[in-house]
């Protein structure tokens, strides 16, 4: 396992991953950061926790919309799809962890 530093919406996080997963994790972080920043910048939703939930819903909707017989996930098993979703959830959990201390 290695430790990497990432930034999501201006907040720094230290994440652990296997060395061969670093590139994919960084891509996931960049994608999540883009979604969250777009929601924040739209100015309609306040609070990092709400922004994270809205971003996760948008990403889940994107994932579900690709589930078709000819979609990009059609060749994947449910186990592989679940692994991808767990990886996204882990990124979200790490992003929301500092918020728990605020309450």
N, C-alpha and C. Protein backbone atom coordinates (compact mmCIF):
# COMPACT_ATOMS: atom_id res chain seq x y z
N UNK A 1 0.84 -1.18 0.00
CA UNK A 1 0.00 0.00 0.00
C UNK A 1 0.88 1.24 0.00
N UNK A 2 0.38 2.25 -0.69
CA UNK A 2 1.07 3.54 -0.70
C UNK A 2 0.09 4.61 -0.23
N UNK A 3 0.61 5.73 0.16
CA UNK A 3 -0.19 6.88 0.57
C UNK A 3 -0.04 7.95 -0.50
N UNK A 4 -1.16 8.53 -0.91
CA UNK A 4 -1.10 9.63 -1.88
C UNK A 4 -1.88 10.82 -1.32
N UNK A 5 -1.47 12.00 -1.71
CA UNK A 5 -2.16 13.23 -1.32
C UNK A 5 -3.00 13.70 -2.50
N UNK A 6 -4.25 14.01 -2.23
CA UNK A 6 -5.15 14.50 -3.27
C UNK A 6 -5.90 15.72 -2.73
N UNK A 7 -6.53 16.45 -3.62
CA UNK A 7 -7.32 17.61 -3.24
C UNK A 7 -8.70 17.50 -3.87
N UNK A 8 -9.72 17.66 -3.04
CA UNK A 8 -11.10 17.65 -3.51
C UNK A 8 -11.75 18.94 -3.00
N UNK A 9 -12.20 19.76 -3.91
CA UNK A 9 -12.80 21.07 -3.58
C UNK A 9 -11.90 21.88 -2.65
N UNK A 10 -10.62 21.89 -2.94
CA UNK A 10 -9.69 22.68 -2.17
C UNK A 10 -9.25 22.08 -0.85
N UNK A 11 -9.80 20.94 -0.49
CA UNK A 11 -9.47 20.26 0.77
C UNK A 11 -8.50 19.12 0.47
N UNK A 12 -7.41 19.05 1.21
CA UNK A 12 -6.42 18.00 1.02
C UNK A 12 -6.80 16.74 1.78
N UNK A 13 -6.53 15.60 1.14
CA UNK A 13 -6.79 14.30 1.75
C UNK A 13 -5.60 13.39 1.48
N UNK A 14 -5.34 12.52 2.42
CA UNK A 14 -4.31 11.50 2.26
C UNK A 14 -5.03 10.17 2.15
N UNK A 15 -4.84 9.49 1.01
CA UNK A 15 -5.54 8.24 0.74
C UNK A 15 -4.54 7.10 0.58
N UNK A 16 -4.97 5.92 0.92
CA UNK A 16 -4.15 4.73 0.74
C UNK A 16 -4.68 3.94 -0.44
N UNK A 17 -3.78 3.36 -1.20
CA UNK A 17 -4.18 2.49 -2.31
C UNK A 17 -3.00 1.60 -2.67
N UNK A 18 -3.30 0.59 -3.46
CA UNK A 18 -2.22 -0.24 -4.00
C UNK A 18 -1.51 0.55 -5.08
N UNK A 19 -0.24 0.30 -5.23
CA UNK A 19 0.57 1.06 -6.18
C UNK A 19 -0.01 1.00 -7.59
N UNK A 20 -0.51 -0.17 -7.98
CA UNK A 20 -1.05 -0.32 -9.33
C UNK A 20 -2.43 0.33 -9.50
N UNK A 21 -3.02 0.84 -8.43
CA UNK A 21 -4.33 1.49 -8.48
C UNK A 21 -4.24 3.01 -8.39
N UNK A 22 -3.03 3.53 -8.24
CA UNK A 22 -2.88 4.97 -8.02
C UNK A 22 -3.46 5.80 -9.16
N UNK A 23 -3.16 5.43 -10.38
CA UNK A 23 -3.63 6.20 -11.53
C UNK A 23 -5.16 6.25 -11.55
N UNK A 24 -5.80 5.11 -11.34
CA UNK A 24 -7.26 5.07 -11.37
C UNK A 24 -7.86 5.86 -10.21
N UNK A 25 -7.23 5.79 -9.05
CA UNK A 25 -7.72 6.55 -7.91
C UNK A 25 -7.60 8.05 -8.18
N UNK A 26 -6.48 8.47 -8.74
CA UNK A 26 -6.31 9.88 -9.07
C UNK A 26 -7.34 10.34 -10.11
N UNK A 27 -7.64 9.47 -11.07
CA UNK A 27 -8.66 9.80 -12.06
C UNK A 27 -10.03 9.94 -11.39
N UNK A 28 -10.33 9.04 -10.46
CA UNK A 28 -11.61 9.09 -9.74
C UNK A 28 -11.69 10.37 -8.92
N UNK A 29 -10.60 10.73 -8.26
CA UNK A 29 -10.56 11.95 -7.46
C UNK A 29 -10.78 13.17 -8.35
N UNK A 30 -10.11 13.21 -9.49
CA UNK A 30 -10.26 14.34 -10.41
C UNK A 30 -11.70 14.43 -10.92
N UNK A 31 -12.30 13.30 -11.22
CA UNK A 31 -13.68 13.29 -11.70
C UNK A 31 -14.62 13.79 -10.61
N UNK A 32 -14.45 13.26 -9.39
CA UNK A 32 -15.28 13.68 -8.26
C UNK A 32 -15.08 15.16 -7.97
N UNK A 33 -13.85 15.62 -7.98
CA UNK A 33 -13.56 17.03 -7.73
C UNK A 33 -14.26 17.90 -8.77
N UNK A 34 -14.22 17.48 -10.01
CA UNK A 34 -14.89 18.24 -11.07
C UNK A 34 -16.39 18.33 -10.85
N UNK A 35 -17.00 17.20 -10.49
CA UNK A 35 -18.44 17.17 -10.23
C UNK A 35 -18.79 18.06 -9.05
N UNK A 36 -18.05 17.91 -7.95
CA UNK A 36 -18.35 18.67 -6.74
C UNK A 36 -18.14 20.17 -6.95
N UNK A 37 -17.07 20.53 -7.64
CA UNK A 37 -16.80 21.96 -7.89
C UNK A 37 -17.87 22.56 -8.80
N UNK A 38 -18.33 21.80 -9.78
CA UNK A 38 -19.38 22.30 -10.67
C UNK A 38 -20.67 22.55 -9.88
N UNK A 39 -21.00 21.66 -8.98
CA UNK A 39 -22.21 21.83 -8.16
C UNK A 39 -22.05 23.04 -7.24
N UNK A 40 -20.87 23.13 -6.59
CA UNK A 40 -20.60 24.27 -5.71
C UNK A 40 -20.66 25.59 -6.47
N UNK A 41 -20.03 25.62 -7.65
CA UNK A 41 -19.95 26.84 -8.43
C UNK A 41 -21.30 27.27 -9.00
N UNK A 42 -22.22 26.33 -9.13
CA UNK A 42 -23.57 26.68 -9.60
C UNK A 42 -24.28 27.51 -8.54
N UNK A 43 -23.84 27.39 -7.28
CA UNK A 43 -24.33 28.24 -6.20
C UNK A 43 -25.70 27.90 -5.65
N UNK A 44 -26.29 26.80 -6.09
CA UNK A 44 -27.63 26.46 -5.62
C UNK A 44 -27.61 25.59 -4.37
N UNK A 45 -26.50 24.93 -4.13
CA UNK A 45 -26.41 24.00 -3.00
C UNK A 45 -25.26 24.45 -2.11
N UNK A 46 -25.53 24.53 -0.83
CA UNK A 46 -24.53 24.94 0.16
C UNK A 46 -24.18 23.75 1.04
N UNK A 47 -22.97 23.72 1.51
CA UNK A 47 -22.52 22.67 2.42
C UNK A 47 -21.85 21.54 1.68
N UNK A 48 -20.64 21.22 2.12
CA UNK A 48 -19.88 20.18 1.45
C UNK A 48 -20.57 18.82 1.47
N UNK A 49 -21.27 18.51 2.57
CA UNK A 49 -21.93 17.22 2.64
C UNK A 49 -23.04 17.12 1.60
N UNK A 50 -23.81 18.17 1.42
CA UNK A 50 -24.88 18.17 0.42
C UNK A 50 -24.31 18.14 -0.99
N UNK A 51 -23.22 18.86 -1.19
CA UNK A 51 -22.56 18.85 -2.50
C UNK A 51 -22.07 17.44 -2.81
N UNK A 52 -21.49 16.77 -1.82
CA UNK A 52 -20.98 15.40 -2.02
C UNK A 52 -22.12 14.44 -2.34
N UNK A 53 -23.26 14.59 -1.66
CA UNK A 53 -24.40 13.72 -1.93
C UNK A 53 -24.91 13.96 -3.35
N UNK A 54 -25.04 15.21 -3.74
CA UNK A 54 -25.52 15.51 -5.09
C UNK A 54 -24.56 14.99 -6.15
N UNK A 55 -23.27 15.13 -5.89
CA UNK A 55 -22.27 14.61 -6.84
C UNK A 55 -22.36 13.09 -6.93
N UNK A 56 -22.52 12.43 -5.78
CA UNK A 56 -22.61 10.96 -5.80
C UNK A 56 -23.87 10.51 -6.53
N UNK A 57 -24.97 11.24 -6.37
CA UNK A 57 -26.19 10.90 -7.11
C UNK A 57 -26.00 11.09 -8.61
N UNK A 58 -25.33 12.14 -9.00
CA UNK A 58 -25.07 12.38 -10.42
C UNK A 58 -24.20 11.27 -11.00
N UNK A 59 -23.17 10.88 -10.25
CA UNK A 59 -22.28 9.82 -10.72
C UNK A 59 -23.01 8.48 -10.77
N UNK A 60 -23.85 8.20 -9.77
CA UNK A 60 -24.63 6.97 -9.77
C UNK A 60 -25.58 6.94 -10.97
N UNK A 61 -26.20 8.07 -11.27
CA UNK A 61 -27.10 8.14 -12.43
C UNK A 61 -26.33 7.89 -13.72
N UNK A 62 -25.13 8.44 -13.82
CA UNK A 62 -24.29 8.19 -15.00
C UNK A 62 -23.97 6.71 -15.11
N UNK A 63 -23.62 6.11 -13.99
CA UNK A 63 -23.28 4.69 -13.98
C UNK A 63 -24.48 3.85 -14.42
N UNK A 64 -25.64 4.14 -13.85
CA UNK A 64 -26.82 3.37 -14.18
C UNK A 64 -27.26 3.57 -15.63
N UNK A 65 -27.03 4.75 -16.17
CA UNK A 65 -27.43 5.00 -17.56
C UNK A 65 -26.55 4.22 -18.55
N UNK A 66 -25.39 3.79 -18.10
CA UNK A 66 -24.52 3.02 -18.98
C UNK A 66 -24.86 1.53 -18.96
N UNK A 67 -25.74 1.11 -18.05
CA UNK A 67 -26.11 -0.30 -17.95
C UNK A 67 -27.14 -0.64 -19.03
N UNK A 68 -26.65 -0.98 -20.16
CA UNK A 68 -27.51 -1.45 -21.24
C UNK A 68 -26.77 -2.58 -21.94
N UNK A 69 -27.48 -3.36 -22.73
CA UNK A 69 -26.81 -4.49 -23.39
C UNK A 69 -25.61 -4.08 -24.22
N UNK A 70 -25.61 -2.84 -24.72
CA UNK A 70 -24.48 -2.41 -25.54
C UNK A 70 -23.65 -1.33 -24.86
N UNK A 71 -23.90 -1.07 -23.57
CA UNK A 71 -23.18 -0.03 -22.84
C UNK A 71 -21.77 -0.45 -22.46
N UNK A 72 -20.99 0.51 -21.97
CA UNK A 72 -19.59 0.22 -21.62
C UNK A 72 -19.43 -0.76 -20.46
N UNK A 73 -20.48 -0.96 -19.66
CA UNK A 73 -20.39 -1.89 -18.55
C UNK A 73 -21.01 -3.25 -18.86
N UNK A 74 -21.47 -3.43 -20.08
CA UNK A 74 -22.17 -4.67 -20.42
C UNK A 74 -21.28 -5.90 -20.31
N UNK A 75 -19.99 -5.73 -20.44
CA UNK A 75 -19.06 -6.85 -20.36
C UNK A 75 -18.61 -7.13 -18.93
N UNK A 76 -19.02 -6.28 -17.98
CA UNK A 76 -18.56 -6.42 -16.60
C UNK A 76 -19.53 -7.25 -15.78
N UNK A 77 -19.00 -7.95 -14.81
CA UNK A 77 -19.84 -8.68 -13.88
C UNK A 77 -20.36 -7.71 -12.83
N UNK A 78 -21.39 -8.12 -12.13
CA UNK A 78 -21.91 -7.28 -11.05
C UNK A 78 -20.84 -7.05 -9.99
N UNK A 79 -20.01 -8.05 -9.76
CA UNK A 79 -18.93 -7.93 -8.79
C UNK A 79 -17.97 -6.80 -9.19
N UNK A 80 -17.63 -6.73 -10.45
CA UNK A 80 -16.74 -5.68 -10.93
C UNK A 80 -17.39 -4.30 -10.82
N UNK A 81 -18.67 -4.23 -11.12
CA UNK A 81 -19.39 -2.96 -10.99
C UNK A 81 -19.45 -2.54 -9.53
N UNK A 82 -19.72 -3.51 -8.65
CA UNK A 82 -19.75 -3.21 -7.21
C UNK A 82 -18.39 -2.71 -6.72
N UNK A 83 -17.31 -3.30 -7.22
CA UNK A 83 -15.97 -2.85 -6.83
C UNK A 83 -15.75 -1.40 -7.25
N UNK A 84 -16.18 -1.06 -8.44
CA UNK A 84 -16.05 0.33 -8.89
C UNK A 84 -16.86 1.27 -8.00
N UNK A 85 -18.07 0.86 -7.65
CA UNK A 85 -18.90 1.69 -6.79
C UNK A 85 -18.30 1.82 -5.40
N UNK A 86 -17.72 0.73 -4.88
CA UNK A 86 -17.08 0.79 -3.56
C UNK A 86 -15.89 1.75 -3.59
N UNK A 87 -15.14 1.74 -4.69
CA UNK A 87 -14.01 2.67 -4.81
C UNK A 87 -14.51 4.11 -4.78
N UNK A 88 -15.62 4.38 -5.47
CA UNK A 88 -16.18 5.73 -5.45
C UNK A 88 -16.68 6.09 -4.06
N UNK A 89 -17.31 5.13 -3.39
CA UNK A 89 -17.78 5.38 -2.03
C UNK A 89 -16.63 5.67 -1.09
N UNK A 90 -15.52 4.96 -1.26
CA UNK A 90 -14.34 5.21 -0.42
C UNK A 90 -13.82 6.62 -0.61
N UNK A 91 -13.81 7.09 -1.85
CA UNK A 91 -13.37 8.46 -2.12
C UNK A 91 -14.32 9.45 -1.44
N UNK A 92 -15.62 9.19 -1.55
CA UNK A 92 -16.60 10.07 -0.90
C UNK A 92 -16.46 10.04 0.62
N UNK A 93 -16.27 8.85 1.18
CA UNK A 93 -16.09 8.73 2.64
C UNK A 93 -14.90 9.55 3.10
N UNK A 94 -13.81 9.48 2.37
CA UNK A 94 -12.62 10.24 2.74
C UNK A 94 -12.88 11.73 2.61
N UNK A 95 -13.64 12.12 1.60
CA UNK A 95 -13.94 13.54 1.40
C UNK A 95 -14.84 14.08 2.50
N UNK A 96 -15.74 13.24 3.01
CA UNK A 96 -16.70 13.69 4.02
C UNK A 96 -16.18 13.55 5.44
N UNK A 97 -15.13 12.80 5.65
CA UNK A 97 -14.61 12.55 7.00
C UNK A 97 -14.38 13.82 7.80
N UNK A 98 -13.77 14.86 7.25
CA UNK A 98 -13.57 16.08 8.04
C UNK A 98 -14.88 16.76 8.43
N UNK A 99 -15.94 16.55 7.66
CA UNK A 99 -17.22 17.16 7.96
C UNK A 99 -17.84 16.59 9.25
N UNK A 100 -17.54 15.34 9.54
CA UNK A 100 -18.09 14.71 10.74
C UNK A 100 -17.64 15.39 12.01
N UNK A 101 -16.46 15.97 11.99
CA UNK A 101 -15.93 16.65 13.17
C UNK A 101 -16.61 18.00 13.42
N UNK A 102 -17.35 18.49 12.43
CA UNK A 102 -17.98 19.80 12.56
C UNK A 102 -19.28 19.73 13.38
N UNK A 103 -19.82 18.54 13.53
CA UNK A 103 -21.13 18.43 14.19
C UNK A 103 -20.99 17.97 15.60
